[in-house]
Amino acid sequence: MEPTIEFESHRRFLRGLAYRMLGSVAEAEDAVQDCWLRWREVPHADIIEPRAFLAQTLTRLCFDRLRSAQKQREHYVGVWLPEPWIDDPYSAQAGAEEMVTMAQDLEIAFLLVLQRLTPSERAVFLLNEVFDWDFDAIAQVLDRSAAACRQLASRARQQLAASVPTPDEQSPKADKAGKAAPLSAGRPRRGTSPPSPEQASRIATAFAMALQMGDVQALADTLAQDVVFMADGGGKVNSVPRPLLGADKVAQVLVGFARLWLREPGATRPASINGMPGAVFHAADGSVVQTLALEIAEGGRITAIYVMRNPDKLKHVPRA
């Protein structure tokens, strides 16, 4: 196959792997572009398995970026959330529609829990669990034995199974190792049935109406009792510095924010964010102010609300 066509046939896979590894749309796109540049320079006749070669190249590029990101994360102000992946009919974001089929693996809670893994554990877990690669193939990508990869996968699963932080653990303090503790809603529901699109739409509509009317009780009725609210301002804009827990507290805070928002001219449009119902908020000049995503459980209650306000993480979201 012609090298450019060959690469493009793997772009969807590469973009999905890079985004899940890095939690950044911009970084993922840059990593895929760097992977393309390296692919363009190699003698393709010597490559037996192009997909494995590209996965290996991309994984190493992601490892380099993760080392830099870890240093930045240690000094991050407030709650850290991954960049939102927007999928809506008005978005010009390249390849957004390709991620819908794996929406559960894009959920923010799942991406946050992945941050607890080492880069190697994360790579093995994603390739095996999300992309269904066997350990022999993964071993070639990571230059390790299949047995070592199985061990990494086992450690990753143990970490994920145990990653249900208490409210105190959800603060941006350092852990015992001195590294910044990853922030997570702590409820990745892999393997459970998500709400139907109709049910999710009904809950999201009720949430939006209660928010617009300023009805605290009606808003609280859409929330699970242990709902968590997380907002990422990155120290660049005003934001809630720590996760908020509990339906009543979250409802009161959201209504207060809504009243402030409604005083300013702007626009709000619905969007699917990381496979979840949500919205993009625009200022009067069309610039993006924030995104909001709702995690809805099978029972029909909102279990987590994620707000991205950090302007550096909203650059890829199209203006109104």
C-alpha atoms as a PDB file:
ATOM      1  CA  MET A   1       0.000   0.000   0.000  1.00  0.00           C
ATOM      2  CA  GLU A   2       1.182   3.523  -0.755  1.00  0.00           C
ATOM      3  CA  PRO A   3       2.743   4.926   2.488  1.00  0.00           C
ATOM      4  CA  THR A   4       0.385   7.901   2.862  1.00  0.00           C
ATOM      5  CA  ILE A   5      -2.703   5.751   2.331  1.00  0.00           C
ATOM      6  CA  GLU A   6      -1.301   3.164   4.725  1.00  0.00           C
ATOM      7  CA  PHE A   7      -0.790   5.764   7.445  1.00  0.00           C
ATOM      8  CA  GLU A   8      -4.243   7.275   6.977  1.00  0.00           C
ATOM      9  CA  SER A   9      -5.805   3.847   7.377  1.00  0.00           C
ATOM     10  CA  HIS A  10      -4.369   3.760  10.923  1.00  0.00           C
ATOM     11  CA  ARG A  11      -4.976   7.410  11.870  1.00  0.00           C
ATOM     12  CA  ARG A  12      -8.209   6.725  13.761  1.00  0.00           C
ATOM     13  CA  PHE A  13      -6.496   4.111  15.929  1.00  0.00           C
ATOM     14  CA  LEU A  14      -3.457   6.331  16.517  1.00  0.00           C
ATOM     15  CA  ARG A  15      -5.527   9.369  17.454  1.00  0.00           C
ATOM     16  CA  GLY A  16      -7.622   7.330  19.879  1.00  0.00           C
ATOM     17  CA  LEU A  17      -4.577   5.796  21.542  1.00  0.00           C
ATOM     18  CA  ALA A  18      -2.763   9.135  21.849  1.00  0.00           C
ATOM     19  CA  TYR A  19      -5.775  10.952  23.320  1.00  0.00           C
ATOM     20  CA  ARG A  20      -6.349   8.280  25.931  1.00  0.00           C
ATOM     21  CA  MET A  21      -2.649   8.220  26.786  1.00  0.00           C
ATOM     22  CA  LEU A  22      -2.268  11.990  27.050  1.00  0.00           C
ATOM     23  CA  GLY A  23      -5.716  13.345  27.927  1.00  0.00           C
ATOM     24  CA  SER A  24      -5.136  16.212  25.507  1.00  0.00           C
ATOM     25  CA  VAL A  25      -6.618  16.721  22.063  1.00  0.00           C
ATOM     26  CA  ALA A  26      -3.859  19.093  20.992  1.00  0.00           C
ATOM     27  CA  GLU A  27      -1.065  16.865  22.318  1.00  0.00           C
ATOM     28  CA  ALA A  28      -2.643  13.821  20.675  1.00  0.00           C
ATOM     29  CA  GLU A  29      -2.819  15.535  17.298  1.00  0.00           C
ATOM     30  CA  ASP A  30       0.801  16.683  17.642  1.00  0.00           C
ATOM     31  CA  ALA A  31       1.914  13.163  18.564  1.00  0.00           C
ATOM     32  CA  VAL A  32       0.121  11.686  15.551  1.00  0.00           C
ATOM     33  CA  GLN A  33       1.711  14.325  13.306  1.00  0.00           C
ATOM     34  CA  ASP A  34       5.176  13.528  14.687  1.00  0.00           C
ATOM     35  CA  CYS A  35       4.436   9.857  14.106  1.00  0.00           C
ATOM     36  CA  TRP A  36       3.588  10.653  10.485  1.00  0.00           C
ATOM     37  CA  LEU A  37       6.876  12.514  10.051  1.00  0.00           C
ATOM     38  CA  ARG A  38       8.830   9.518  11.314  1.00  0.00           C
ATOM     39  CA  TRP A  39       6.777   7.128   9.197  1.00  0.00           C
ATOM     40  CA  ARG A  40       7.538   9.190   6.113  1.00  0.00           C
ATOM     41  CA  GLU A  41      11.300   8.795   6.627  1.00  0.00           C
ATOM     42  CA  VAL A  42      11.557   5.034   7.156  1.00  0.00           C
ATOM     43  CA  PRO A  43      12.063   2.388   4.423  1.00  0.00           C
ATOM     44  CA  HIS A  44       8.576   0.889   4.273  1.00  0.00           C
ATOM     45  CA  ALA A  45       9.660  -2.280   2.514  1.00  0.00           C
ATOM     46  CA  ASP A  46      11.368  -3.374   5.752  1.00  0.00           C
ATOM     47  CA  ILE A  47       8.217  -2.974   7.873  1.00  0.00           C
ATOM     48  CA  ILE A  48       6.294  -6.228   8.208  1.00  0.00           C
ATOM     49  CA  GLU A  49       3.499  -4.971  10.497  1.00  0.00           C
ATOM     50  CA  PRO A  50       2.793  -1.271   9.828  1.00  0.00           C
ATOM     51  CA  ARG A  51       0.181  -0.987  12.594  1.00  0.00           C
ATOM     52  CA  ALA A  52       2.564  -2.397  15.196  1.00  0.00           C
ATOM     53  CA  PHE A  53       5.385  -0.133  13.988  1.00  0.00           C
ATOM     54  CA  LEU A  54       3.144   2.940  14.168  1.00  0.00           C
ATOM     55  CA  ALA A  55       1.825   1.967  17.611  1.00  0.00           C
ATOM     56  CA  GLN A  56       5.382   1.556  18.871  1.00  0.00           C
ATOM     57  CA  THR A  57       6.454   4.911  17.431  1.00  0.00           C
ATOM     58  CA  LEU A  58       3.406   6.713  18.803  1.00  0.00           C
ATOM     59  CA  THR A  59       3.702   5.119  22.239  1.00  0.00           C
ATOM     60  CA  ARG A  60       7.299   6.287  22.574  1.00  0.00           C
ATOM     61  CA  LEU A  61       6.275   9.785  21.494  1.00  0.00           C
ATOM     62  CA  CYS A  62       3.539   9.740  24.123  1.00  0.00           C
ATOM     63  CA  PHE A  63       6.012   8.589  26.781  1.00  0.00           C
ATOM     64  CA  ASP A  64       8.191  11.623  26.021  1.00  0.00           C
ATOM     65  CA  ARG A  65       5.212  13.948  26.354  1.00  0.00           C
ATOM     66  CA  LEU A  66       4.016  12.285  29.549  1.00  0.00           C
ATOM     67  CA  ARG A  67       7.356  12.888  31.243  1.00  0.00           C
ATOM     68  CA  SER A  68       7.033  16.592  30.489  1.00  0.00           C
ATOM     69  CA  ALA A  69       3.346  16.647  31.442  1.00  0.00           C
ATOM     70  CA  GLN A  70       4.054  15.012  34.795  1.00  0.00           C
ATOM     71  CA  LYS A  71       6.379  17.843  35.788  1.00  0.00           C
ATOM     72  CA  GLN A  72       3.755  20.402  34.783  1.00  0.00           C
ATOM     73  CA  ARG A  73       1.015  18.487  36.610  1.00  0.00           C
ATOM     74  CA  GLU A  74       2.913  18.707  39.896  1.00  0.00           C
ATOM     75  CA  HIS A  75       2.455  22.493  39.801  1.00  0.00           C
ATOM     76  CA  TYR A  76      -1.058  22.522  38.343  1.00  0.00           C
ATOM     77  CA  VAL A  77      -3.466  24.839  40.143  1.00  0.00           C
ATOM     78  CA  GLY A  78      -6.719  23.271  41.309  1.00  0.00           C
ATOM     79  CA  VAL A  79      -8.524  20.354  39.684  1.00  0.00           C
ATOM     80  CA  TRP A  80      -6.983  18.762  36.588  1.00  0.00           C
ATOM     81  CA  LEU A  81      -9.332  17.428  33.900  1.00  0.00           C
ATOM     82  CA  PRO A  82      -8.529  16.090  30.429  1.00  0.00           C
ATOM     83  CA  GLU A  83      -9.262  18.309  27.468  1.00  0.00           C
ATOM     84  CA  PRO A  84     -12.852  17.840  26.293  1.00  0.00           C
ATOM     85  CA  TRP A  85     -13.410  15.820  23.145  1.00  0.00           C
ATOM     86  CA  ILE A  86     -16.306  17.508  21.347  1.00  0.00           C
ATOM     87  CA  ASP A  87     -18.592  15.640  18.990  1.00  0.00           C
ATOM     88  CA  ASP A  88     -21.453  17.681  17.585  1.00  0.00           C
ATOM     89  CA  PRO A  89     -22.771  18.529  14.105  1.00  0.00           C
ATOM     90  CA  TYR A  90     -21.376  22.062  14.238  1.00  0.00           C
ATOM     91  CA  SER A  91     -17.843  21.037  15.187  1.00  0.00           C
ATOM     92  CA  ALA A  92     -15.009  21.137  12.692  1.00  0.00           C
ATOM     93  CA  GLN A  93     -12.814  19.074  14.985  1.00  0.00           C
ATOM     94  CA  ALA A  94     -11.040  16.485  12.865  1.00  0.00           C
ATOM     95  CA  GLY A  95     -12.094  12.935  13.480  1.00  0.00           C
ATOM     96  CA  ALA A  96     -14.489  13.609  16.342  1.00  0.00           C
ATOM     97  CA  GLU A  97     -17.135  11.328  14.898  1.00  0.00           C
ATOM     98  CA  GLU A  98     -14.671   8.446  14.883  1.00  0.00           C
ATOM     99  CA  MET A  99     -14.610   8.264  18.666  1.00  0.00           C
ATOM    100  CA  VAL A 100     -18.321   7.783  19.288  1.00  0.00           C
ATOM    101  CA  THR A 101     -18.123   3.992  18.989  1.00  0.00           C
ATOM    102  CA  MET A 102     -15.833   3.884  22.039  1.00  0.00           C
ATOM    103  CA  ALA A 103     -17.599   6.578  24.047  1.00  0.00           C
ATOM    104  CA  GLN A 104     -17.403   4.712  27.362  1.00  0.00           C
ATOM    105  CA  ASP A 105     -13.625   4.589  27.099  1.00  0.00           C
ATOM    106  CA  LEU A 106     -13.613   8.346  26.532  1.00  0.00           C
ATOM    107  CA  GLU A 107     -15.600   9.171  29.650  1.00  0.00           C
ATOM    108  CA  ILE A 108     -13.765  11.666  31.797  1.00  0.00           C
ATOM    109  CA  ALA A 109     -13.910   9.509  34.938  1.00  0.00           C
ATOM    110  CA  PHE A 110     -12.196   6.688  33.052  1.00  0.00           C
ATOM    111  CA  LEU A 111      -9.529   9.017  31.637  1.00  0.00           C
ATOM    112  CA  LEU A 112      -8.896  10.434  35.107  1.00  0.00           C
ATOM    113  CA  VAL A 113      -8.416   7.009  36.636  1.00  0.00           C
ATOM    114  CA  LEU A 114      -5.943   6.175  33.857  1.00  0.00           C
ATOM    115  CA  GLN A 115      -3.767   8.972  35.227  1.00  0.00           C
ATOM    116  CA  ARG A 116      -3.017   6.741  38.216  1.00  0.00           C
ATOM    117  CA  LEU A 117      -1.158   4.296  35.989  1.00  0.00           C
ATOM    118  CA  THR A 118       2.444   4.519  34.894  1.00  0.00           C
ATOM    119  CA  PRO A 119       2.908   5.247  31.166  1.00  0.00           C
ATOM    120  CA  SER A 120       3.779   1.599  30.485  1.00  0.00           C
ATOM    121  CA  GLU A 121       0.780   0.309  32.453  1.00  0.00           C
ATOM    122  CA  ARG A 122      -1.452   2.756  30.650  1.00  0.00           C
ATOM    123  CA  ALA A 123      -0.175   1.699  27.227  1.00  0.00           C
ATOM    124  CA  VAL A 124      -0.590  -2.017  27.946  1.00  0.00           C
ATOM    125  CA  PHE A 125      -4.053  -1.561  29.446  1.00  0.00           C
ATOM    126  CA  LEU A 126      -5.310   0.559  26.554  1.00  0.00           C
ATOM    127  CA  LEU A 127      -3.911  -1.694  23.832  1.00  0.00           C
ATOM    128  CA  ASN A 128      -5.263  -4.829  25.522  1.00  0.00           C
ATOM    129  CA  GLU A 129      -8.581  -3.696  27.027  1.00  0.00           C
ATOM    130  CA  VAL A 130      -9.679  -0.918  24.689  1.00  0.00           C
ATOM    131  CA  PHE A 131      -8.132  -1.905  21.371  1.00  0.00           C
ATOM    132  CA  ASP A 132      -8.192  -5.687  21.981  1.00  0.00           C
ATOM    133  CA  TRP A 133      -4.539  -6.429  21.176  1.00  0.00           C
ATOM    134  CA  ASP A 134      -3.035  -9.670  22.448  1.00  0.00           C
ATOM    135  CA  PHE A 135       0.040  -9.594  24.670  1.00  0.00           C
ATOM    136  CA  ASP A 136       2.370 -10.949  22.002  1.00  0.00           C
ATOM    137  CA  ALA A 137       1.555  -7.954  19.803  1.00  0.00           C
ATOM    138  CA  ILE A 138       1.842  -5.533  22.729  1.00  0.00           C
ATOM    139  CA  ALA A 139       5.218  -7.032  23.633  1.00  0.00           C
ATOM    140  CA  GLN A 140       6.548  -6.020  20.209  1.00  0.00           C
ATOM    141  CA  VAL A 141       5.313  -2.456  20.709  1.00  0.00           C
ATOM    142  CA  LEU A 142       6.892  -2.018  24.144  1.00  0.00           C
ATOM    143  CA  ASP A 143      10.022  -4.120  23.526  1.00  0.00           C
ATOM    144  CA  ARG A 144       9.126  -6.318  26.496  1.00  0.00           C
ATOM    145  CA  SER A 145       8.191  -9.945  26.908  1.00  0.00           C
ATOM    146  CA  ALA A 146       4.577 -11.022  26.711  1.00  0.00           C
ATOM    147  CA  ALA A 147       4.832 -12.152  30.345  1.00  0.00           C
ATOM    148  CA  ALA A 148       6.030  -8.701  31.414  1.00  0.00           C
ATOM    149  CA  CYS A 149       3.129  -7.111  29.540  1.00  0.00           C
ATOM    150  CA  ARG A 150       0.661  -9.423  31.273  1.00  0.00           C
ATOM    151  CA  GLN A 151       2.138  -8.356  34.595  1.00  0.00           C
ATOM    152  CA  LEU A 152       1.758  -4.685  33.663  1.00  0.00           C
ATOM    153  CA  ALA A 153      -1.863  -5.313  32.657  1.00  0.00           C
ATOM    154  CA  SER A 154      -2.530  -7.093  35.952  1.00  0.00           C
ATOM    155  CA  ARG A 155      -1.073  -4.202  37.947  1.00  0.00           C
ATOM    156  CA  ALA A 156      -3.134  -1.744  35.900  1.00  0.00           C
ATOM    157  CA  ARG A 157      -6.363  -3.633  36.579  1.00  0.00           C
ATOM    158  CA  GLN A 158      -5.560  -3.776  40.294  1.00  0.00           C
ATOM    159  CA  GLN A 159      -4.918  -0.034  40.314  1.00  0.00           C
ATOM    160  CA  LEU A 160      -8.150   0.694  38.482  1.00  0.00           C
ATOM    161  CA  ALA A 161     -10.151  -1.601  40.757  1.00  0.00           C
ATOM    162  CA  ALA A 162      -8.785   0.192  43.808  1.00  0.00           C
ATOM    163  CA  SER A 163      -9.061   3.741  42.453  1.00  0.00           C
ATOM    164  CA  VAL A 164     -12.158   4.906  44.309  1.00  0.00           C
ATOM    165  CA  PRO A 165     -10.838   7.943  46.171  1.00  0.00           C
ATOM    166  CA  THR A 166     -12.498   9.439  49.225  1.00  0.00           C
ATOM    167  CA  PRO A 167     -13.408  13.169  49.182  1.00  0.00           C
ATOM    168  CA  ASP A 168     -10.094  13.933  50.922  1.00  0.00           C
ATOM    169  CA  GLU A 169      -8.212  12.069  48.181  1.00  0.00           C
ATOM    170  CA  GLN A 170      -9.932  14.202  45.552  1.00  0.00           C
ATOM    171  CA  SER A 171      -7.997  17.312  46.548  1.00  0.00           C
ATOM    172  CA  PRO A 172      -4.961  18.556  44.607  1.00  0.00           C
ATOM    173  CA  LYS A 173      -2.462  17.589  47.298  1.00  0.00           C
ATOM    174  CA  ALA A 174       0.625  15.461  46.953  1.00  0.00           C
ATOM    175  CA  ASP A 175       0.501  11.763  47.633  1.00  0.00           C
ATOM    176  CA  LYS A 176       3.003   9.802  49.738  1.00  0.00           C
ATOM    177  CA  ALA A 177       5.408   9.629  46.813  1.00  0.00           C
ATOM    178  CA  GLY A 178       5.422  13.405  46.546  1.00  0.00           C
ATOM    179  CA  LYS A 179       3.650  13.428  43.197  1.00  0.00           C
ATOM    180  CA  ALA A 180       0.454  15.307  42.526  1.00  0.00           C
ATOM    181  CA  ALA A 181      -2.463  13.034  43.332  1.00  0.00           C
ATOM    182  CA  PRO A 182      -4.662  12.529  40.280  1.00  0.00           C
ATOM    183  CA  LEU A 183      -8.200  13.806  40.636  1.00  0.00           C
ATOM    184  CA  SER A 184     -11.002  11.430  39.842  1.00  0.00           C
ATOM    185  CA  ALA A 185     -14.697  11.137  40.348  1.00  0.00           C
ATOM    186  CA  GLY A 186     -13.760   7.593  41.295  1.00  0.00           C
ATOM    187  CA  ARG A 187     -16.676   5.924  39.591  1.00  0.00           C
ATOM    188  CA  PRO A 188     -15.636   4.588  36.185  1.00  0.00           C
ATOM    189  CA  ARG A 189     -18.538   2.328  35.313  1.00  0.00           C
ATOM    190  CA  ARG A 190     -16.897   0.104  32.738  1.00  0.00           C
ATOM    191  CA  GLY A 191     -19.013  -2.951  32.107  1.00  0.00           C
ATOM    192  CA  THR A 192     -22.295  -1.357  33.243  1.00  0.00           C
ATOM    193  CA  SER A 193     -25.117  -0.428  30.926  1.00  0.00           C
ATOM    194  CA  PRO A 194     -25.175   3.281  30.083  1.00  0.00           C
ATOM    195  CA  PRO A 195     -28.518   5.106  29.959  1.00  0.00           C
ATOM    196  CA  SER A 196     -30.344   5.038  26.653  1.00  0.00           C
ATOM    197  CA  PRO A 197     -29.935   8.141  24.456  1.00  0.00           C
ATOM    198  CA  GLU A 198     -33.564   9.020  25.131  1.00  0.00           C
ATOM    199  CA  GLN A 199     -33.118   8.728  28.892  1.00  0.00           C
ATOM    200  CA  ALA A 200     -29.885  10.715  28.839  1.00  0.00           C
ATOM    201  CA  SER A 201     -31.584  13.406  26.756  1.00  0.00           C
ATOM    202  CA  ARG A 202     -34.503  13.654  29.189  1.00  0.00           C
ATOM    203  CA  ILE A 203     -32.204  14.000  32.199  1.00  0.00           C
ATOM    204  CA  ALA A 204     -29.980  16.555  30.464  1.00  0.00           C
ATOM    205  CA  THR A 205     -33.041  18.594  29.432  1.00  0.00           C
ATOM    206  CA  ALA A 206     -34.455  18.545  32.965  1.00  0.00           C
ATOM    207  CA  PHE A 207     -31.045  19.596  34.289  1.00  0.00           C
ATOM    208  CA  ALA A 208     -30.819  22.499  31.818  1.00  0.00           C
ATOM    209  CA  MET A 209     -34.371  23.705  32.523  1.00  0.00           C
ATOM    210  CA  ALA A 210     -33.884  23.635  36.296  1.00  0.00           C
ATOM    211  CA  LEU A 211     -30.589  25.474  35.897  1.00  0.00           C
ATOM    212  CA  GLN A 212     -32.136  28.147  33.696  1.00  0.00           C
ATOM    213  CA  MET A 213     -35.095  28.631  36.066  1.00  0.00           C
ATOM    214  CA  GLY A 214     -32.811  28.790  39.084  1.00  0.00           C
ATOM    215  CA  ASP A 215     -34.784  26.008  40.793  1.00  0.00           C
ATOM    216  CA  VAL A 216     -32.372  24.472  43.314  1.00  0.00           C
ATOM    217  CA  GLN A 217     -34.715  21.641  44.347  1.00  0.00           C
ATOM    218  CA  ALA A 218     -35.587  20.657  40.770  1.00  0.00           C
ATOM    219  CA  LEU A 219     -31.889  20.666  39.935  1.00  0.00           C
ATOM    220  CA  ALA A 220     -31.033  18.559  42.977  1.00  0.00           C
ATOM    221  CA  ASP A 221     -33.701  16.055  41.911  1.00  0.00           C
ATOM    222  CA  THR A 222     -31.705  15.321  38.738  1.00  0.00           C
ATOM    223  CA  LEU A 223     -28.543  14.608  40.745  1.00  0.00           C
ATOM    224  CA  ALA A 224     -27.405  11.509  42.571  1.00  0.00           C
ATOM    225  CA  GLN A 225     -26.909  12.065  46.292  1.00  0.00           C
ATOM    226  CA  ASP A 226     -23.160  11.480  45.919  1.00  0.00           C
ATOM    227  CA  VAL A 227     -22.795  13.569  42.768  1.00  0.00           C
ATOM    228  CA  VAL A 228     -19.390  15.192  42.274  1.00  0.00           C
ATOM    229  CA  PHE A 229     -18.767  18.551  40.595  1.00  0.00           C
ATOM    230  CA  MET A 230     -15.293  19.193  39.161  1.00  0.00           C
ATOM    231  CA  ALA A 231     -14.113  22.326  37.373  1.00  0.00           C
ATOM    232  CA  ASP A 232     -10.725  22.925  35.760  1.00  0.00           C
ATOM    233  CA  GLY A 233      -9.594  26.533  35.549  1.00  0.00           C
ATOM    234  CA  GLY A 234      -5.880  25.783  35.558  1.00  0.00           C
ATOM    235  CA  GLY A 235      -5.249  28.912  37.622  1.00  0.00           C
ATOM    236  CA  LYS A 236      -6.011  30.949  34.488  1.00  0.00           C
ATOM    237  CA  VAL A 237      -9.667  31.822  35.258  1.00  0.00           C
ATOM    238  CA  ASN A 238     -11.965  31.685  38.264  1.00  0.00           C
ATOM    239  CA  SER A 239     -13.008  28.158  39.122  1.00  0.00           C
ATOM    240  CA  VAL A 240     -13.927  25.889  42.020  1.00  0.00           C
ATOM    241  CA  PRO A 241     -10.536  24.826  43.407  1.00  0.00           C
ATOM    242  CA  ARG A 242     -11.640  21.418  44.758  1.00  0.00           C
ATOM    243  CA  PRO A 243     -14.307  18.864  43.881  1.00  0.00           C
ATOM    244  CA  LEU A 244     -17.731  19.480  45.426  1.00  0.00           C
ATOM    245  CA  LEU A 245     -19.743  16.505  46.661  1.00  0.00           C
ATOM    246  CA  GLY A 246     -23.448  16.114  47.378  1.00  0.00           C
ATOM    247  CA  ALA A 247     -26.628  16.959  45.494  1.00  0.00           C
ATOM    248  CA  ASP A 248     -27.743  19.920  47.629  1.00  0.00           C
ATOM    249  CA  LYS A 249     -24.350  21.632  47.683  1.00  0.00           C
ATOM    250  CA  VAL A 250     -23.720  21.117  43.966  1.00  0.00           C
ATOM    251  CA  ALA A 251     -27.236  22.332  43.043  1.00  0.00           C
ATOM    252  CA  GLN A 252     -26.835  25.522  45.073  1.00  0.00           C
ATOM    253  CA  VAL A 253     -23.445  26.302  43.554  1.00  0.00           C
ATOM    254  CA  LEU A 254     -24.626  25.617  39.999  1.00  0.00           C
ATOM    255  CA  VAL A 255     -27.689  27.850  40.364  1.00  0.00           C
ATOM    256  CA  GLY A 256     -25.445  30.622  41.640  1.00  0.00           C
ATOM    257  CA  PHE A 257     -23.165  30.238  38.616  1.00  0.00           C
ATOM    258  CA  ALA A 258     -26.149  30.151  36.268  1.00  0.00           C
ATOM    259  CA  ARG A 259     -27.475  33.450  37.592  1.00  0.00           C
ATOM    260  CA  LEU A 260     -24.121  35.079  36.931  1.00  0.00           C
ATOM    261  CA  TRP A 261     -23.942  33.546  33.434  1.00  0.00           C
ATOM    262  CA  LEU A 262     -27.444  34.721  32.477  1.00  0.00           C
ATOM    263  CA  ARG A 263     -26.493  38.313  33.261  1.00  0.00           C
ATOM    264  CA  GLU A 264     -23.944  38.340  30.452  1.00  0.00           C
ATOM    265  CA  PRO A 265     -24.722  38.165  26.723  1.00  0.00           C
ATOM    266  CA  GLY A 266     -23.665  34.892  25.200  1.00  0.00           C
ATOM    267  CA  ALA A 267     -24.859  31.594  23.785  1.00  0.00           C
ATOM    268  CA  THR A 268     -25.024  27.978  24.915  1.00  0.00           C
ATOM    269  CA  ARG A 269     -25.236  25.060  22.488  1.00  0.00           C
ATOM    270  CA  PRO A 270     -25.660  21.379  23.235  1.00  0.00           C
ATOM    271  CA  ALA A 271     -22.831  19.019  22.394  1.00  0.00           C
ATOM    272  CA  SER A 272     -21.641  15.496  23.096  1.00  0.00           C
ATOM    273  CA  ILE A 273     -18.512  15.762  25.228  1.00  0.00           C
ATOM    274  CA  ASN A 274     -16.436  12.623  25.686  1.00  0.00           C
ATOM    275  CA  GLY A 275     -19.503  10.618  24.767  1.00  0.00           C
ATOM    276  CA  MET A 276     -21.655  12.343  27.409  1.00  0.00           C
ATOM    277  CA  PRO A 277     -24.429  14.943  27.060  1.00  0.00           C
ATOM    278  CA  GLY A 278     -23.153  18.434  27.615  1.00  0.00           C
ATOM    279  CA  ALA A 279     -22.896  21.979  26.340  1.00  0.00           C
ATOM    280  CA  VAL A 280     -20.433  24.541  25.043  1.00  0.00           C
ATOM    281  CA  PHE A 281     -20.742  28.072  26.434  1.00  0.00           C
ATOM    282  CA  HIS A 282     -19.792  30.995  24.183  1.00  0.00           C
ATOM    283  CA  ALA A 283     -19.249  34.661  24.973  1.00  0.00           C
ATOM    284  CA  ALA A 284     -20.948  37.373  22.935  1.00  0.00           C
ATOM    285  CA  ASP A 285     -17.969  37.526  20.548  1.00  0.00           C
ATOM    286  CA  GLY A 286     -18.232  33.792  19.831  1.00  0.00           C
ATOM    287  CA  SER A 287     -15.207  32.747  21.906  1.00  0.00           C
ATOM    288  CA  VAL A 288     -15.479  29.601  24.017  1.00  0.00           C
ATOM    289  CA  VAL A 289     -15.878  30.257  27.738  1.00  0.00           C
ATOM    290  CA  GLN A 290     -16.323  26.727  29.041  1.00  0.00           C
ATOM    291  CA  THR A 291     -17.705  23.270  28.406  1.00  0.00           C
ATOM    292  CA  LEU A 292     -19.927  21.207  30.689  1.00  0.00           C
ATOM    293  CA  ALA A 293     -20.394  17.426  30.564  1.00  0.00           C
ATOM    294  CA  LEU A 294     -22.849  15.257  32.502  1.00  0.00           C
ATOM    295  CA  GLU A 295     -22.108  11.692  33.575  1.00  0.00           C
ATOM    296  CA  ILE A 296     -25.468   9.931  33.885  1.00  0.00           C
ATOM    297  CA  ALA A 297     -25.911   6.552  35.552  1.00  0.00           C
ATOM    298  CA  GLU A 298     -28.177   3.801  34.319  1.00  0.00           C
ATOM    299  CA  GLY A 299     -30.713   4.713  37.009  1.00  0.00           C
ATOM    300  CA  GLY A 300     -31.228   8.125  35.432  1.00  0.00           C
ATOM    301  CA  ARG A 301     -29.386  10.389  37.870  1.00  0.00           C
ATOM    302  CA  ILE A 302     -26.408  12.626  37.179  1.00  0.00           C
ATOM    303  CA  THR A 303     -23.413  11.252  39.048  1.00  0.00           C
ATOM    304  CA  ALA A 304     -20.717  13.703  37.930  1.00  0.00           C
ATOM    305  CA  ILE A 305     -20.518  17.134  36.344  1.00  0.00           C
ATOM    306  CA  TYR A 306     -17.306  18.200  34.620  1.00  0.00           C
ATOM    307  CA  VAL A 307     -16.652  21.820  33.681  1.00  0.00           C
ATOM    308  CA  MET A 308     -13.634  22.878  31.638  1.00  0.00           C
ATOM    309  CA  ARG A 309     -12.760  26.574  31.950  1.00  0.00           C
ATOM    310  CA  ASN A 310      -9.004  26.538  31.354  1.00  0.00           C
ATOM    311  CA  PRO A 311      -8.600  28.557  28.121  1.00  0.00           C
ATOM    312  CA  ASP A 312      -5.483  26.606  27.183  1.00  0.00           C
ATOM    313  CA  LYS A 313      -7.577  23.426  27.057  1.00  0.00           C
ATOM    314  CA  LEU A 314     -10.368  24.996  25.005  1.00  0.00           C
ATOM    315  CA  LYS A 315      -8.306  26.196  22.046  1.00  0.00           C
ATOM    316  CA  HIS A 316      -9.393  23.231  19.898  1.00  0.00           C
ATOM    317  CA  VAL A 317     -13.108  23.877  20.470  1.00  0.00           C
ATOM    318  CA  PRO A 318     -14.587  25.844  17.521  1.00  0.00           C
ATOM    319  CA  ARG A 319     -15.912  29.343  18.104  1.00  0.00           C
ATOM    320  CA  ALA A 320     -19.604  29.995  17.674  1.00  0.00           C
END
